[in-house]
Structures are given as C-alpha cells and as structure tokens.
Amino acid sequence: MDCHFTIDIETEGITIRVHGALDQTEVIRIISSFTSHPLYRQDAGILFDVRGTNYHPQYHEVFSFLTEYRVRFRSMITGKLAFLVRNGIQYGIARMSSTLLSSYLPDTEVFLSEDDAAAWLRS
C-alpha cells in the first residue's frame, strides 16, 4: 500500500493526515511538501496524524531521520508539533522518538485524542 497524505494549511496551523505505508523517505517527502507551500509559516502549529498508518520506525531510522532533519528542516519548523497516534504501540514509539530528537524538534507532544492534540496546539 502506498503512502497517501493530505495537508491543510490554515491560519491556526497545519494538519497532515497520513494513510498507508509510511517510512523515513515518505516522512521527508511530507515535510518537504508542506514547508515549501507558499502559505506555510515556520511558527505554525502542526498536527501530524499517523493513525492511518502502521509505521513503527526502527532505532537506526530515528537517528538517520535526525541527521536529515537537522540539516534540512530544523530552522524551518519552529511551532508546536503534535503527533496523533491510534494505539499504545504507536504512542510509545512516538514518545521515544520525540525524546531522542528533542534537542532538534520544536515543542513536541504525542496524543491519542485529536481533541487533546488540538487543545494543546492552541495553548
């Protein structure tokens, strides 16, 4: 199954919804897509909804992503980043990954509820 994603850019922030097979290459493609959009603001809050995927990155992928993110995107994303996941496994992996990347990511949290994620982004 291919990766399909939608990106909504509004004044309140950015919502990215991903479905299908997701890997590091697709994540980079998604980030490149919204950071190059003419309406993109680097301080916008971002809701990254991965509930439609079954992505469980391996340890080496997290560090490989870190290298690429640090070089290409670190200064381009300064607003809050909320990951919306569907279950405990995704939650744990997302929390671990965001902790490992915390010195390079903006303010990041992981949520199981879209309402909680949206409220945190607005706070």
N, C-alpha and C. Protein backbone atom coordinates (compact mmCIF):
# COMPACT_ATOMS: atom_id res chain seq x y z
N MET A 1 0.84 -1.17 0.00
CA MET A 1 0.00 0.00 0.00
C MET A 1 0.89 1.24 0.00
N ASP A 2 0.58 2.19 -0.87
CA ASP A 2 1.33 3.44 -0.97
C ASP A 2 0.94 4.39 0.14
N CYS A 3 1.80 5.36 0.36
CA CYS A 3 1.52 6.41 1.32
C CYS A 3 0.70 7.51 0.63
N HIS A 4 -0.40 7.89 1.26
CA HIS A 4 -1.22 9.00 0.78
C HIS A 4 -1.34 9.98 1.93
N PHE A 5 -1.23 11.26 1.62
CA PHE A 5 -1.35 12.24 2.68
C PHE A 5 -2.07 13.47 2.18
N THR A 6 -2.71 14.16 3.11
CA THR A 6 -3.33 15.44 2.82
C THR A 6 -2.72 16.46 3.77
N ILE A 7 -2.60 17.66 3.28
CA ILE A 7 -2.07 18.75 4.09
C ILE A 7 -3.05 19.91 4.01
N ASP A 8 -3.54 20.33 5.15
CA ASP A 8 -4.40 21.51 5.23
C ASP A 8 -3.61 22.60 5.94
N ILE A 9 -3.42 23.72 5.27
CA ILE A 9 -2.71 24.84 5.87
C ILE A 9 -3.74 25.95 6.09
N GLU A 10 -3.94 26.30 7.35
CA GLU A 10 -4.89 27.35 7.73
C GLU A 10 -4.17 28.32 8.64
N THR A 11 -4.87 29.39 9.01
CA THR A 11 -4.26 30.38 9.89
C THR A 11 -3.93 29.80 11.25
N GLU A 12 -4.73 28.80 11.71
CA GLU A 12 -4.48 28.22 13.02
C GLU A 12 -3.33 27.20 13.00
N GLY A 13 -2.99 26.70 11.86
CA GLY A 13 -1.91 25.71 11.81
C GLY A 13 -2.03 24.78 10.62
N ILE A 14 -1.32 23.69 10.72
CA ILE A 14 -1.22 22.73 9.64
C ILE A 14 -1.69 21.37 10.16
N THR A 15 -2.52 20.71 9.36
CA THR A 15 -2.93 19.35 9.69
C THR A 15 -2.47 18.44 8.56
N ILE A 16 -1.74 17.39 8.93
CA ILE A 16 -1.26 16.41 7.97
C ILE A 16 -1.85 15.07 8.36
N ARG A 17 -2.57 14.44 7.44
CA ARG A 17 -3.17 13.13 7.70
C ARG A 17 -2.54 12.14 6.74
N VAL A 18 -1.97 11.07 7.30
CA VAL A 18 -1.24 10.09 6.50
C VAL A 18 -1.95 8.75 6.56
N HIS A 19 -2.05 8.10 5.40
CA HIS A 19 -2.64 6.76 5.30
C HIS A 19 -1.71 5.89 4.46
N GLY A 20 -1.61 4.64 4.85
CA GLY A 20 -0.82 3.69 4.07
C GLY A 20 0.57 3.49 4.64
N ALA A 21 1.41 2.94 3.79
CA ALA A 21 2.77 2.60 4.19
C ALA A 21 3.59 3.87 4.38
N LEU A 22 4.19 3.98 5.53
CA LEU A 22 4.99 5.16 5.85
C LEU A 22 6.39 4.70 6.22
N ASP A 23 7.38 5.43 5.74
CA ASP A 23 8.76 5.18 6.11
C ASP A 23 9.49 6.52 6.14
N GLN A 24 10.76 6.48 6.45
CA GLN A 24 11.54 7.71 6.58
C GLN A 24 11.50 8.55 5.30
N THR A 25 11.60 7.92 4.15
CA THR A 25 11.58 8.63 2.88
C THR A 25 10.26 9.38 2.70
N GLU A 26 9.16 8.73 3.05
CA GLU A 26 7.84 9.38 2.94
C GLU A 26 7.71 10.53 3.93
N VAL A 27 8.22 10.36 5.14
CA VAL A 27 8.16 11.44 6.13
C VAL A 27 8.91 12.66 5.60
N ILE A 28 10.07 12.47 5.03
CA ILE A 28 10.85 13.58 4.46
C ILE A 28 10.07 14.22 3.30
N ARG A 29 9.43 13.40 2.49
CA ARG A 29 8.64 13.93 1.36
C ARG A 29 7.48 14.78 1.88
N ILE A 30 6.82 14.33 2.93
CA ILE A 30 5.70 15.07 3.51
C ILE A 30 6.18 16.41 4.07
N ILE A 31 7.27 16.38 4.83
CA ILE A 31 7.80 17.62 5.40
C ILE A 31 8.21 18.58 4.29
N SER A 32 8.85 18.08 3.25
CA SER A 32 9.23 18.93 2.12
C SER A 32 8.01 19.55 1.46
N SER A 33 6.92 18.79 1.38
CA SER A 33 5.70 19.29 0.74
C SER A 33 5.11 20.48 1.49
N PHE A 34 4.97 20.36 2.82
CA PHE A 34 4.32 21.48 3.50
C PHE A 34 5.27 22.64 3.75
N THR A 35 6.56 22.40 3.96
CA THR A 35 7.48 23.52 4.18
C THR A 35 7.73 24.33 2.91
N SER A 36 7.43 23.77 1.75
CA SER A 36 7.61 24.52 0.50
C SER A 36 6.31 25.17 0.03
N HIS A 37 5.22 24.97 0.73
CA HIS A 37 3.94 25.56 0.36
C HIS A 37 4.01 27.08 0.57
N PRO A 38 3.46 27.86 -0.35
CA PRO A 38 3.56 29.32 -0.24
C PRO A 38 2.87 29.91 1.00
N LEU A 39 1.89 29.23 1.56
CA LEU A 39 1.20 29.74 2.75
C LEU A 39 1.83 29.25 4.06
N TYR A 40 2.85 28.43 3.97
CA TYR A 40 3.48 27.87 5.17
C TYR A 40 4.18 28.96 5.99
N ARG A 41 3.96 28.92 7.30
CA ARG A 41 4.67 29.78 8.26
C ARG A 41 5.46 28.86 9.19
N GLN A 42 6.72 29.14 9.40
CA GLN A 42 7.57 28.25 10.20
C GLN A 42 7.13 28.16 11.65
N ASP A 43 6.36 29.15 12.16
CA ASP A 43 5.92 29.10 13.55
C ASP A 43 4.53 28.50 13.71
N ALA A 44 3.96 27.98 12.64
CA ALA A 44 2.62 27.37 12.69
C ALA A 44 2.65 26.09 13.51
N GLY A 45 1.58 25.83 14.25
CA GLY A 45 1.43 24.55 14.93
C GLY A 45 1.12 23.47 13.91
N ILE A 46 1.64 22.28 14.14
CA ILE A 46 1.48 21.19 13.19
C ILE A 46 0.87 19.98 13.89
N LEU A 47 -0.24 19.49 13.34
CA LEU A 47 -0.84 18.24 13.80
C LEU A 47 -0.50 17.18 12.76
N PHE A 48 0.28 16.18 13.16
CA PHE A 48 0.72 15.12 12.26
C PHE A 48 -0.02 13.86 12.66
N ASP A 49 -1.08 13.54 11.90
CA ASP A 49 -1.98 12.43 12.21
C ASP A 49 -1.51 11.17 11.47
N VAL A 50 -0.97 10.22 12.24
CA VAL A 50 -0.47 8.98 11.65
C VAL A 50 -1.34 7.78 12.02
N ARG A 51 -2.59 8.05 12.43
CA ARG A 51 -3.48 6.95 12.82
C ARG A 51 -3.78 6.02 11.66
N GLY A 52 -3.66 6.48 10.43
CA GLY A 52 -3.95 5.66 9.26
C GLY A 52 -2.76 4.87 8.77
N THR A 53 -1.71 4.79 9.57
CA THR A 53 -0.51 4.05 9.18
C THR A 53 -0.22 2.96 10.20
N ASN A 54 0.74 2.15 9.86
CA ASN A 54 1.21 1.13 10.78
C ASN A 54 2.73 1.25 10.89
N TYR A 55 3.19 2.49 10.99
CA TYR A 55 4.63 2.77 10.96
C TYR A 55 5.23 2.61 12.36
N HIS A 56 6.23 1.77 12.45
CA HIS A 56 6.98 1.55 13.68
C HIS A 56 8.46 1.65 13.34
N PRO A 57 9.00 2.88 13.37
CA PRO A 57 10.40 3.04 12.95
C PRO A 57 11.37 2.28 13.84
N GLN A 58 12.40 1.79 13.23
CA GLN A 58 13.45 1.12 13.98
C GLN A 58 14.42 2.17 14.51
N TYR A 59 15.18 1.77 15.51
CA TYR A 59 16.10 2.68 16.19
C TYR A 59 17.01 3.41 15.21
N HIS A 60 17.59 2.68 14.25
CA HIS A 60 18.52 3.31 13.31
C HIS A 60 17.82 4.33 12.42
N GLU A 61 16.52 4.11 12.13
CA GLU A 61 15.77 5.08 11.32
C GLU A 61 15.60 6.40 12.05
N VAL A 62 15.39 6.34 13.36
CA VAL A 62 15.22 7.56 14.15
C VAL A 62 16.48 8.42 14.04
N PHE A 63 17.65 7.82 14.16
CA PHE A 63 18.89 8.59 14.09
C PHE A 63 19.21 9.03 12.66
N SER A 64 18.85 8.23 11.69
CA SER A 64 19.03 8.63 10.30
C SER A 64 18.14 9.83 9.99
N PHE A 65 16.90 9.78 10.49
CA PHE A 65 15.99 10.90 10.30
C PHE A 65 16.55 12.15 10.99
N LEU A 66 17.09 11.99 12.18
CA LEU A 66 17.66 13.11 12.92
C LEU A 66 18.69 13.85 12.08
N THR A 67 19.58 13.11 11.45
CA THR A 67 20.62 13.72 10.63
C THR A 67 20.01 14.52 9.49
N GLU A 68 19.06 13.92 8.79
CA GLU A 68 18.44 14.62 7.67
C GLU A 68 17.61 15.81 8.14
N TYR A 69 16.85 15.63 9.20
CA TYR A 69 16.02 16.71 9.73
C TYR A 69 16.90 17.89 10.16
N ARG A 70 17.97 17.60 10.88
CA ARG A 70 18.85 18.65 11.40
C ARG A 70 19.44 19.47 10.25
N VAL A 71 19.79 18.83 9.17
CA VAL A 71 20.40 19.51 8.03
C VAL A 71 19.36 20.27 7.20
N ARG A 72 18.20 19.66 6.95
CA ARG A 72 17.24 20.24 6.00
C ARG A 72 16.11 21.06 6.62
N PHE A 73 15.65 20.70 7.82
CA PHE A 73 14.39 21.28 8.29
C PHE A 73 14.43 21.97 9.64
N ARG A 74 15.47 21.83 10.39
CA ARG A 74 15.48 22.32 11.77
C ARG A 74 15.07 23.78 11.88
N SER A 75 15.60 24.64 11.06
CA SER A 75 15.28 26.06 11.16
C SER A 75 13.95 26.41 10.48
N MET A 76 13.36 25.46 9.77
CA MET A 76 12.12 25.73 9.04
C MET A 76 10.86 25.41 9.84
N ILE A 77 11.00 24.70 10.97
CA ILE A 77 9.84 24.31 11.77
C ILE A 77 10.11 24.75 13.20
N THR A 78 9.41 25.81 13.64
CA THR A 78 9.64 26.32 14.99
C THR A 78 8.39 26.30 15.86
N GLY A 79 7.22 26.02 15.28
CA GLY A 79 5.98 25.96 16.05
C GLY A 79 5.83 24.61 16.75
N LYS A 80 4.75 24.46 17.51
CA LYS A 80 4.49 23.20 18.20
C LYS A 80 4.20 22.09 17.20
N LEU A 81 4.55 20.88 17.59
CA LEU A 81 4.33 19.70 16.75
C LEU A 81 3.62 18.63 17.58
N ALA A 82 2.40 18.27 17.16
CA ALA A 82 1.61 17.25 17.86
C ALA A 82 1.47 16.04 16.96
N PHE A 83 1.85 14.88 17.48
CA PHE A 83 1.64 13.62 16.77
C PHE A 83 0.37 12.98 17.29
N LEU A 84 -0.50 12.60 16.40
CA LEU A 84 -1.74 11.92 16.76
C LEU A 84 -1.62 10.47 16.32
N VAL A 85 -1.66 9.56 17.30
CA VAL A 85 -1.45 8.14 17.03
C VAL A 85 -2.70 7.35 17.42
N ARG A 86 -2.78 6.09 16.97
CA ARG A 86 -4.02 5.34 17.19
C ARG A 86 -3.98 4.33 18.32
N ASN A 87 -2.78 3.96 18.79
CA ASN A 87 -2.73 2.93 19.84
C ASN A 87 -1.49 3.09 20.70
N GLY A 88 -1.40 2.26 21.73
CA GLY A 88 -0.30 2.34 22.67
C GLY A 88 1.06 2.07 22.07
N ILE A 89 1.13 1.18 21.09
CA ILE A 89 2.42 0.89 20.45
C ILE A 89 2.94 2.12 19.73
N GLN A 90 2.08 2.74 18.90
CA GLN A 90 2.49 3.96 18.20
C GLN A 90 2.82 5.06 19.21
N TYR A 91 2.03 5.15 20.28
CA TYR A 91 2.27 6.17 21.30
C TYR A 91 3.67 6.00 21.90
N GLY A 92 4.01 4.80 22.30
CA GLY A 92 5.32 4.55 22.90
C GLY A 92 6.47 4.84 21.96
N ILE A 93 6.34 4.42 20.72
CA ILE A 93 7.40 4.65 19.74
C ILE A 93 7.54 6.14 19.45
N ALA A 94 6.40 6.83 19.31
CA ALA A 94 6.45 8.27 19.03
C ALA A 94 7.05 9.04 20.21
N ARG A 95 6.70 8.65 21.43
CA ARG A 95 7.28 9.30 22.62
C ARG A 95 8.79 9.07 22.68
N MET A 96 9.21 7.82 22.44
CA MET A 96 10.64 7.52 22.46
C MET A 96 11.37 8.34 21.39
N SER A 97 10.82 8.34 20.18
CA SER A 97 11.46 9.07 19.08
C SER A 97 11.53 10.56 19.37
N SER A 98 10.42 11.13 19.87
CA SER A 98 10.43 12.57 20.14
C SER A 98 11.39 12.91 21.28
N THR A 99 11.56 12.02 22.24
CA THR A 99 12.53 12.25 23.32
C THR A 99 13.95 12.23 22.76
N LEU A 100 14.25 11.25 21.91
CA LEU A 100 15.58 11.16 21.31
C LEU A 100 15.90 12.38 20.44
N LEU A 101 14.88 12.92 19.80
CA LEU A 101 15.08 14.04 18.88
C LEU A 101 14.80 15.39 19.52
N SER A 102 14.53 15.42 20.83
CA SER A 102 14.03 16.63 21.50
C SER A 102 14.95 17.84 21.37
N SER A 103 16.26 17.64 21.24
CA SER A 103 17.11 18.81 21.11
C SER A 103 17.00 19.47 19.74
N TYR A 104 16.38 18.79 18.80
CA TYR A 104 16.28 19.33 17.44
C TYR A 104 14.85 19.63 17.02
N LEU A 105 13.89 18.96 17.62
CA LEU A 105 12.50 19.20 17.28
C LEU A 105 11.96 20.41 18.04
N PRO A 106 10.93 21.06 17.50
CA PRO A 106 10.26 22.10 18.29
C PRO A 106 9.51 21.43 19.45
N ASP A 107 8.76 22.19 20.20
CA ASP A 107 7.96 21.67 21.30
C ASP A 107 7.04 20.57 20.75
N THR A 108 7.23 19.33 21.21
CA THR A 108 6.56 18.17 20.62
C THR A 108 5.84 17.36 21.69
N GLU A 109 4.62 16.93 21.37
CA GLU A 109 3.85 16.03 22.25
C GLU A 109 3.17 14.98 21.39
N VAL A 110 2.79 13.88 22.03
CA VAL A 110 2.12 12.76 21.35
C VAL A 110 0.76 12.58 22.01
N PHE A 111 -0.27 12.34 21.18
CA PHE A 111 -1.64 12.23 21.68
C PHE A 111 -2.37 11.06 21.06
N LEU A 112 -3.32 10.53 21.82
CA LEU A 112 -4.25 9.51 21.33
C LEU A 112 -5.59 10.13 20.96
N SER A 113 -5.83 11.36 21.36
CA SER A 113 -7.10 12.05 21.11
C SER A 113 -6.86 13.30 20.27
N GLU A 114 -7.63 13.44 19.19
CA GLU A 114 -7.49 14.62 18.33
C GLU A 114 -7.89 15.89 19.07
N ASP A 115 -8.91 15.81 19.92
CA ASP A 115 -9.33 16.98 20.69
C ASP A 115 -8.22 17.45 21.63
N ASP A 116 -7.55 16.50 22.29
CA ASP A 116 -6.45 16.86 23.19
C ASP A 116 -5.29 17.47 22.41
N ALA A 117 -4.99 16.90 21.26
CA ALA A 117 -3.90 17.44 20.44
C ALA A 117 -4.21 18.86 19.98
N ALA A 118 -5.44 19.08 19.51
CA ALA A 118 -5.84 20.40 19.03
C ALA A 118 -5.81 21.42 20.18
N ALA A 119 -6.28 21.03 21.35
CA ALA A 119 -6.27 21.93 22.52
C ALA A 119 -4.85 22.31 22.90
N TRP A 120 -3.95 21.33 22.89
CA TRP A 120 -2.55 21.60 23.22
C TRP A 120 -1.92 22.54 22.20
N LEU A 121 -2.21 22.33 20.92
CA LEU A 121 -1.65 23.21 19.89
C LEU A 121 -2.14 24.65 20.05
N ARG A 122 -3.36 24.82 20.50
CA ARG A 122 -3.92 26.17 20.70
C ARG A 122 -3.41 26.83 21.98
N SER A 123 -2.90 26.05 22.91
CA SER A 123 -2.48 26.62 24.21
C SER A 123 -1.17 27.39 24.12
